[in-house]
Amino acid sequence: MSTTTPTSLSSFEIRPTATPTSDEDRAAALAAPRFGTVFTDHMARISWSEDKGWHDRRVEAYGPLLLDPATAVLHYAQEIFEGMKAYRHADGSVWTFRPSANAERFARSARRLALPELSEEDFLGSLAALVATDAAWVPSGEETSLYLRPFMYASEAFLGVRPSRAAEYLVIASPVGPYFASGVKPVSIWVAEDYHRAGAGGTGAAKCGGNYAASLLPQQEAYALGYDQVCFLDASTNTLVEELGGMNVFLVHADGSVSTPELSGSILEGVTRSSILQLVRDAGHEVRERPIPLAELRAGLADGSVAEVFACGTAAVVTPIGRLGGQGFDLTVGDGSAGPVTSSVRSELMDIQYGRAADRHGWLHRLL
């Protein structure tokens, strides 16, 4: 399912909220934004039906959704989402990072979940329309941004296992600070050997809620054991490192080479992941996308041949991993602090995103 109708910012009807947030309340929210807890005044929205295709492009007041109890998404989990950020640059302009890659992944996810594919024009237009409407909500503080959450769900009211004949696409936005409340500090990772995030032929490569729901119980158990996050192994052999519940993983070896698990169909192709692959190649590191056995990682941490491990994703950007534990092992990564390659990659990526460094790969897209 797809649309061939091009659209842009001007194709969205703006329906302003009748109850805008006061300047004082907005300023208080932007002073110290917490991740994903406060939302802007509006949301972008497009409706789809089998007979009409994509229609009714608008920006409307942020508010509750009215769902019939039989709405398909509530019963069959037919939904997808994306995560991106809008960055305020020093001159006041607002930019986002590689949105075309998110649009492409959103279309791939829709295809896998039997949802209608949204055009890149509609995807980019919805971001621009919402940010233009809620421009005052884009923060300018250190490591702050406006987190953008595009999502789509099956909206037809029916009970029956088949693709929905109606869908809703929305974008909501939240001013945010660092993903981890404690700031940029090395996190501890528990390797889950009794649970898997996804399997061959499943939905691991799609960004859909079911993958994240599957990670919550092992994440809860990791918390109880004193760890911050969970790393999942492959479902076929239970021996290969795949990804965290919401982030990709990188290894930095003592010889300066960098490794990351290859895309297997059960690993999400992260936009931050692909950007980091380019940046470390630019810096002269040998880069390998390959299967990474847990046994190899454990041995490398024990003998020092693996010097750094970090995770990456849109929300947390780059997060150093300082400790890796699992059934029968508890290992410190390097000296437990953020390593030089991890720190360098994080700084370079964020400098590009915030306009402090040259965008030599053309990754930035101006929204305002």
Protein backbone atom coordinates (compact mmCIF):
# COMPACT_ATOMS: atom_id res chain seq x y z
CA MET A 1 0.00 0.00 0.00
CA SER A 2 1.42 3.40 -0.88
CA THR A 3 0.54 6.93 -1.85
CA THR A 4 1.74 8.80 -4.89
CA THR A 5 0.32 12.19 -3.87
CA PRO A 6 3.16 14.66 -3.19
CA THR A 7 2.66 17.03 -0.31
CA SER A 8 4.58 19.58 1.72
CA LEU A 9 4.25 21.93 4.65
CA SER A 10 1.71 24.00 2.73
CA SER A 11 -0.57 20.97 2.29
CA PHE A 12 -1.32 20.85 6.02
CA GLU A 13 -4.27 22.81 7.34
CA ILE A 14 -3.41 24.49 10.64
CA ARG A 15 -6.19 24.21 13.23
CA PRO A 16 -4.81 26.09 16.26
CA THR A 17 -5.57 24.95 19.78
CA ALA A 18 -8.09 27.01 21.73
CA THR A 19 -6.05 26.58 24.92
CA PRO A 20 -2.37 27.32 24.17
CA THR A 21 0.17 26.92 26.95
CA SER A 22 1.07 30.23 28.56
CA ASP A 23 4.52 31.70 27.95
CA GLU A 24 5.31 31.25 31.65
CA ASP A 25 4.30 27.59 31.77
CA ARG A 26 6.17 26.83 28.55
CA ALA A 27 9.30 28.54 29.85
CA ALA A 28 9.11 26.43 33.01
CA ALA A 29 8.78 23.25 30.94
CA LEU A 30 11.78 24.21 28.78
CA ALA A 31 13.97 25.18 31.72
CA ALA A 32 14.76 21.57 32.65
CA PRO A 33 12.97 19.24 30.21
CA ARG A 34 12.63 15.58 31.15
CA PHE A 35 12.46 12.97 28.45
CA GLY A 36 8.99 12.33 27.06
CA THR A 37 6.90 13.78 29.89
CA VAL A 38 5.72 17.16 28.53
CA PHE A 39 4.24 17.66 25.05
CA THR A 40 3.70 20.64 22.79
CA ASP A 41 0.33 22.25 22.06
CA HIS A 42 -0.29 20.55 18.70
CA MET A 43 0.10 17.34 16.74
CA ALA A 44 0.29 16.69 13.00
CA ARG A 45 -2.16 14.16 11.60
CA ILE A 46 -3.13 12.44 8.35
CA SER A 47 -5.93 9.91 7.92
CA TRP A 48 -5.96 6.91 5.56
CA SER A 49 -8.71 4.64 4.32
CA GLU A 50 -8.73 1.94 1.71
CA ASP A 51 -11.11 3.86 -0.53
CA LYS A 52 -9.75 7.41 -0.08
CA GLY A 53 -6.03 6.83 0.49
CA TRP A 54 -4.16 9.48 2.51
CA HIS A 55 -6.30 12.54 3.18
CA ASP A 56 -7.14 15.34 5.66
CA ARG A 57 -3.60 16.58 6.32
CA ARG A 58 -3.76 18.88 9.33
CA VAL A 59 -2.11 20.19 12.47
CA GLU A 60 -4.55 20.17 15.37
CA ALA A 61 -4.62 20.54 19.13
CA TYR A 62 -2.71 17.91 21.06
CA GLY A 63 -5.19 15.79 22.94
CA PRO A 64 -6.65 12.34 23.66
CA LEU A 65 -7.55 10.00 20.83
CA LEU A 66 -11.10 8.68 20.62
CA LEU A 67 -10.90 4.91 20.02
CA ASP A 68 -13.69 2.39 19.61
CA PRO A 69 -13.13 -0.59 21.95
CA ALA A 70 -12.84 -2.76 18.83
CA THR A 71 -10.13 -0.61 17.21
CA ALA A 72 -7.74 -3.01 15.50
CA VAL A 73 -4.54 -1.72 17.09
CA LEU A 74 -5.84 -2.58 20.57
CA HIS A 75 -6.26 -6.23 19.64
CA TYR A 76 -3.67 -7.02 16.98
CA ALA A 77 -0.88 -4.49 17.68
CA GLN A 78 -0.78 -3.23 14.10
CA GLU A 79 1.29 -0.07 14.63
CA ILE A 80 4.71 1.46 13.94
CA PHE A 81 6.66 4.52 15.04
CA GLU A 82 9.82 6.55 14.58
CA GLY A 83 11.98 8.71 16.82
CA MET A 84 13.87 11.84 15.77
CA LYS A 85 14.89 15.23 17.12
CA ALA A 86 14.69 18.88 16.09
CA TYR A 87 17.75 20.91 17.11
CA ARG A 88 17.90 24.65 17.74
CA HIS A 89 21.10 26.08 16.24
CA ALA A 90 22.93 29.12 17.55
CA ASP A 91 21.35 31.40 14.92
CA GLY A 92 17.84 30.35 16.02
CA SER A 93 17.15 28.09 13.04
CA VAL A 94 15.73 24.59 13.63
CA TRP A 95 17.04 21.46 11.94
CA THR A 96 16.51 17.72 12.05
CA PHE A 97 18.93 14.91 11.27
CA ARG A 98 18.65 12.54 8.30
CA PRO A 99 14.83 12.54 8.18
CA SER A 100 14.78 10.84 4.78
CA ALA A 101 16.35 7.77 6.41
CA ASN A 102 13.58 7.78 9.01
CA ALA A 103 10.97 8.16 6.28
CA GLU A 104 12.42 5.18 4.41
CA ARG A 105 12.47 3.04 7.55
CA PHE A 106 8.93 4.11 8.41
CA ALA A 107 7.80 2.88 4.99
CA ARG A 108 9.64 -0.43 5.47
CA SER A 109 8.05 -0.88 8.89
CA ALA A 110 4.61 -0.13 7.44
CA ARG A 111 5.14 -2.75 4.74
CA ARG A 112 6.12 -5.38 7.32
CA LEU A 113 3.10 -4.58 9.52
CA ALA A 114 0.68 -4.48 6.54
CA LEU A 115 0.00 -0.77 7.05
CA PRO A 116 -0.22 1.85 4.28
CA GLU A 117 3.12 3.33 3.27
CA LEU A 118 3.48 7.07 3.78
CA SER A 119 5.38 9.07 1.17
CA GLU A 120 8.58 10.87 2.11
CA GLU A 121 6.89 14.14 1.13
CA ASP A 122 4.09 13.56 3.63
CA PHE A 123 6.55 12.45 6.31
CA LEU A 124 8.79 15.51 5.93
CA GLY A 125 5.81 17.81 5.49
CA SER A 126 4.26 16.65 8.76
CA LEU A 127 7.48 17.36 10.67
CA ALA A 128 7.82 20.83 9.15
CA ALA A 129 4.17 21.69 9.77
CA LEU A 130 4.27 20.70 13.43
CA VAL A 131 7.59 22.37 14.18
CA ALA A 132 6.50 25.56 12.43
CA THR A 133 3.31 25.62 14.52
CA ASP A 134 5.05 24.86 17.82
CA ALA A 135 8.38 26.60 17.11
CA ALA A 136 8.44 28.23 20.55
CA TRP A 137 8.69 24.75 22.08
CA VAL A 138 12.11 23.97 20.56
CA PRO A 139 14.55 24.41 23.47
CA SER A 140 17.99 25.99 23.16
CA GLY A 141 19.76 24.70 26.29
CA GLU A 142 22.78 22.41 26.34
CA GLU A 143 21.91 18.90 25.08
CA THR A 144 18.25 19.82 24.72
CA SER A 145 16.08 19.25 21.65
CA LEU A 146 12.50 18.73 20.55
CA TYR A 147 11.89 15.00 20.33
CA LEU A 148 9.60 14.10 17.43
CA ARG A 149 7.51 10.94 17.53
CA PRO A 150 5.82 10.01 14.22
CA PHE A 151 3.57 6.96 14.56
CA MET A 152 0.82 5.10 12.73
CA TYR A 153 -1.84 2.75 13.99
CA ALA A 154 -4.64 0.58 12.58
CA SER A 155 -7.83 2.52 13.32
CA GLU A 156 -10.60 0.36 11.85
CA ALA A 157 -13.07 -0.94 14.43
CA PHE A 158 -13.39 -4.68 13.88
CA LEU A 159 -12.43 -8.05 15.36
CA GLY A 160 -10.72 -10.32 12.88
CA VAL A 161 -7.16 -11.16 11.91
CA ARG A 162 -6.61 -9.18 8.71
CA PRO A 163 -4.98 -5.84 7.84
CA SER A 164 -6.98 -2.81 8.89
CA ARG A 165 -8.77 -0.86 6.17
CA ALA A 166 -8.18 2.42 8.00
CA ALA A 167 -5.16 3.98 9.66
CA GLU A 168 -4.12 7.19 11.40
CA TYR A 169 -0.69 8.81 11.15
CA LEU A 170 0.34 11.36 13.78
CA VAL A 171 3.39 13.27 14.97
CA ILE A 172 3.68 14.48 18.54
CA ALA A 173 6.58 16.43 20.03
CA SER A 174 8.22 16.71 23.42
CA PRO A 175 10.99 19.07 24.58
CA VAL A 176 13.72 16.88 26.07
CA GLY A 177 17.05 16.89 27.80
CA PRO A 178 19.43 13.91 28.11
CA TYR A 179 17.73 10.50 27.84
CA PHE A 180 19.32 9.23 31.05
CA ALA A 181 18.43 11.41 34.04
CA SER A 182 21.91 10.87 35.52
CA GLY A 183 23.52 12.42 32.44
CA VAL A 184 26.19 10.91 30.22
CA LYS A 185 27.63 8.20 32.43
CA PRO A 186 28.63 4.62 31.61
CA VAL A 187 25.68 2.25 31.97
CA SER A 188 25.61 -1.36 33.11
CA ILE A 189 24.22 -4.02 30.79
CA TRP A 190 22.71 -7.41 31.62
CA VAL A 191 22.86 -10.01 28.86
CA ALA A 192 19.50 -11.78 28.62
CA GLU A 193 19.92 -15.46 27.75
CA ASP A 194 16.37 -16.58 28.62
CA TYR A 195 14.52 -14.01 26.49
CA HIS A 196 14.79 -12.77 22.92
CA ARG A 197 13.70 -9.50 21.36
CA ALA A 198 12.98 -10.93 17.89
CA GLY A 199 13.68 -13.93 15.68
CA ALA A 200 14.41 -14.73 12.05
CA GLY A 201 11.48 -13.80 9.85
CA GLY A 202 9.88 -11.75 12.62
CA THR A 203 9.53 -8.00 13.06
CA GLY A 204 12.97 -7.23 14.49
CA ALA A 205 13.93 -4.97 11.59
CA ALA A 206 10.67 -2.99 11.89
CA LYS A 207 10.20 -0.25 14.46
CA CYS A 208 7.00 -1.46 16.07
CA GLY A 209 5.75 -1.51 19.63
CA GLY A 210 5.68 -5.28 19.96
CA ASN A 211 9.48 -5.46 19.82
CA TYR A 212 9.73 -3.05 22.72
CA ALA A 213 6.99 -4.78 24.70
CA ALA A 214 8.99 -8.00 24.41
CA SER A 215 11.96 -6.26 26.05
CA LEU A 216 10.14 -4.97 29.12
CA LEU A 217 10.12 -8.08 31.32
CA PRO A 218 13.85 -8.80 30.89
CA GLN A 219 14.48 -5.08 31.40
CA GLN A 220 12.52 -5.23 34.64
CA GLU A 221 14.54 -8.25 35.78
CA ALA A 222 17.78 -6.46 34.89
CA TYR A 223 16.76 -3.51 37.07
CA ALA A 224 16.15 -5.90 39.95
CA LEU A 225 19.70 -7.23 39.49
CA GLY A 226 21.16 -3.72 39.58
CA TYR A 227 21.68 -3.18 35.85
CA ASP A 228 20.54 -0.28 33.67
CA GLN A 229 19.76 -1.98 30.36
CA VAL A 230 19.45 -5.38 28.66
CA CYS A 231 21.38 -6.80 25.72
CA PHE A 232 19.65 -9.49 23.67
CA LEU A 233 21.20 -12.46 21.88
CA ASP A 234 20.04 -13.98 18.62
CA ALA A 235 17.04 -16.30 18.89
CA SER A 236 18.48 -18.98 16.58
CA THR A 237 21.66 -19.91 18.46
CA ASN A 238 21.47 -17.84 21.66
CA THR A 239 25.18 -17.05 21.20
CA LEU A 240 25.41 -13.83 19.14
CA VAL A 241 25.13 -10.29 20.48
CA GLU A 242 22.31 -8.40 18.73
CA GLU A 243 21.13 -5.15 20.33
CA LEU A 244 19.80 -3.53 23.46
CA GLY A 245 16.07 -3.08 23.95
CA GLY A 246 16.21 0.22 22.09
CA MET A 247 19.82 0.79 20.99
CA ASN A 248 22.46 -0.69 18.71
CA VAL A 249 25.84 -1.86 20.08
CA PHE A 250 29.44 -1.10 19.05
CA LEU A 251 32.75 -2.60 20.16
CA VAL A 252 36.07 -0.72 20.00
CA HIS A 253 39.05 -3.06 19.94
CA ALA A 254 42.48 -2.35 21.40
CA ASP A 255 43.95 -2.14 17.87
CA GLY A 256 41.55 0.71 17.05
CA SER A 257 39.18 -1.30 14.87
CA VAL A 258 35.43 -1.06 15.43
CA SER A 259 32.83 -3.84 15.22
CA THR A 260 29.05 -3.91 15.36
CA PRO A 261 26.58 -6.78 14.86
CA GLU A 262 25.64 -7.15 11.21
CA LEU A 263 22.05 -6.52 10.16
CA SER A 264 20.45 -9.94 10.27
CA GLY A 265 16.79 -9.13 9.78
CA SER A 266 16.15 -9.22 13.52
CA ILE A 267 18.20 -6.09 14.31
CA LEU A 268 16.82 -2.59 13.81
CA GLU A 269 18.78 -0.60 11.24
CA GLY A 270 19.39 2.48 13.36
CA VAL A 271 19.90 5.88 11.74
CA THR A 272 22.40 6.74 14.48
CA ARG A 273 24.11 3.38 13.87
CA SER A 274 24.64 4.07 10.18
CA SER A 275 25.85 7.60 10.93
CA ILE A 276 28.42 6.33 13.42
CA LEU A 277 29.66 3.75 10.92
CA GLN A 278 30.41 6.62 8.54
CA LEU A 279 32.05 8.81 11.20
CA VAL A 280 34.42 6.09 12.48
CA ARG A 281 35.40 5.25 8.88
CA ASP A 282 36.05 8.95 8.29
CA ALA A 283 38.33 8.91 11.35
CA GLY A 284 40.40 6.09 9.85
CA HIS A 285 39.14 3.17 11.91
CA GLU A 286 38.76 -0.24 10.33
CA VAL A 287 35.05 -1.09 10.61
CA ARG A 288 33.49 -4.53 10.51
CA GLU A 289 29.79 -5.38 10.51
CA ARG A 290 29.79 -9.03 11.48
CA PRO A 291 28.36 -11.66 13.83
CA ILE A 292 29.74 -11.06 17.33
CA PRO A 293 29.64 -14.12 19.64
CA LEU A 294 29.04 -13.34 23.31
CA ALA A 295 31.95 -15.66 24.13
CA GLU A 296 34.26 -13.49 22.01
CA LEU A 297 33.06 -10.31 23.71
CA ARG A 298 33.55 -11.81 27.15
CA ALA A 299 37.06 -12.99 26.29
CA GLY A 300 37.92 -9.60 24.79
CA LEU A 301 36.82 -7.76 27.90
CA ALA A 302 38.76 -10.18 30.11
CA ASP A 303 42.05 -9.88 28.18
CA GLY A 304 41.71 -6.22 27.17
CA SER A 305 41.43 -6.76 23.42
CA VAL A 306 37.99 -5.10 23.61
CA ALA A 307 38.75 -1.64 24.99
CA GLU A 308 35.37 0.10 24.74
CA VAL A 309 31.73 -0.81 24.26
CA PHE A 310 28.98 1.72 23.58
CA ALA A 311 25.32 1.83 22.60
CA CYS A 312 23.64 4.30 20.29
CA GLY A 313 20.20 5.50 19.28
CA THR A 314 18.28 8.70 18.57
CA ALA A 315 17.09 9.21 22.14
CA ALA A 316 20.34 8.57 24.02
CA VAL A 317 22.70 9.43 21.10
CA VAL A 318 25.86 7.59 22.22
CA THR A 319 26.01 5.93 25.64
CA PRO A 320 29.19 4.36 27.04
CA ILE A 321 28.86 0.89 28.54
CA GLY A 322 30.99 0.40 31.63
CA ARG A 323 29.89 -3.01 32.86
CA LEU A 324 28.62 -6.18 31.20
CA GLY A 325 27.07 -8.96 33.25
CA GLY A 326 25.11 -12.14 32.71
CA GLN A 327 24.70 -15.66 33.99
CA GLY A 328 28.08 -16.54 35.50
CA PHE A 329 30.02 -13.38 34.58
CA ASP A 330 30.40 -9.74 35.58
CA LEU A 331 32.97 -7.78 33.59
CA THR A 332 34.17 -4.19 33.60
CA VAL A 333 34.64 -2.55 30.21
CA GLY A 334 38.12 -1.00 30.16
CA ASP A 335 38.45 1.01 33.35
CA GLY A 336 34.68 1.47 33.59
CA SER A 337 34.65 5.00 32.18
CA ALA A 338 33.81 6.37 28.75
CA GLY A 339 36.64 5.58 26.33
CA PRO A 340 38.26 8.05 23.89
CA VAL A 341 36.60 6.68 20.73
CA THR A 342 33.16 6.65 22.39
CA SER A 343 33.61 10.22 23.61
CA SER A 344 34.95 11.42 20.27
CA VAL A 345 32.12 9.87 18.25
CA ARG A 346 29.50 11.28 20.58
CA SER A 347 30.98 14.77 20.45
CA GLU A 348 31.37 14.77 16.67
CA LEU A 349 27.85 13.50 16.04
CA MET A 350 26.27 16.04 18.38
CA ASP A 351 28.39 18.88 16.99
CA ILE A 352 26.98 18.09 13.53
CA GLN A 353 23.42 17.86 14.83
CA TYR A 354 23.64 21.19 16.68
CA GLY A 355 25.38 22.98 13.82
CA ARG A 356 28.72 23.34 15.59
CA ALA A 357 30.62 21.28 13.01
CA ALA A 358 30.55 21.03 9.22
CA ASP A 359 27.81 18.81 7.84
CA ARG A 360 30.06 17.21 5.22
CA HIS A 361 27.64 14.36 4.47
CA GLY A 362 24.55 16.54 4.00
CA TRP A 363 22.70 14.96 6.90
CA LEU A 364 20.92 18.05 8.26
CA HIS A 365 17.47 19.09 7.02
CA ARG A 366 16.16 22.54 7.89
CA LEU A 367 12.68 22.68 9.38
CA LEU A 368 12.51 26.37 10.31
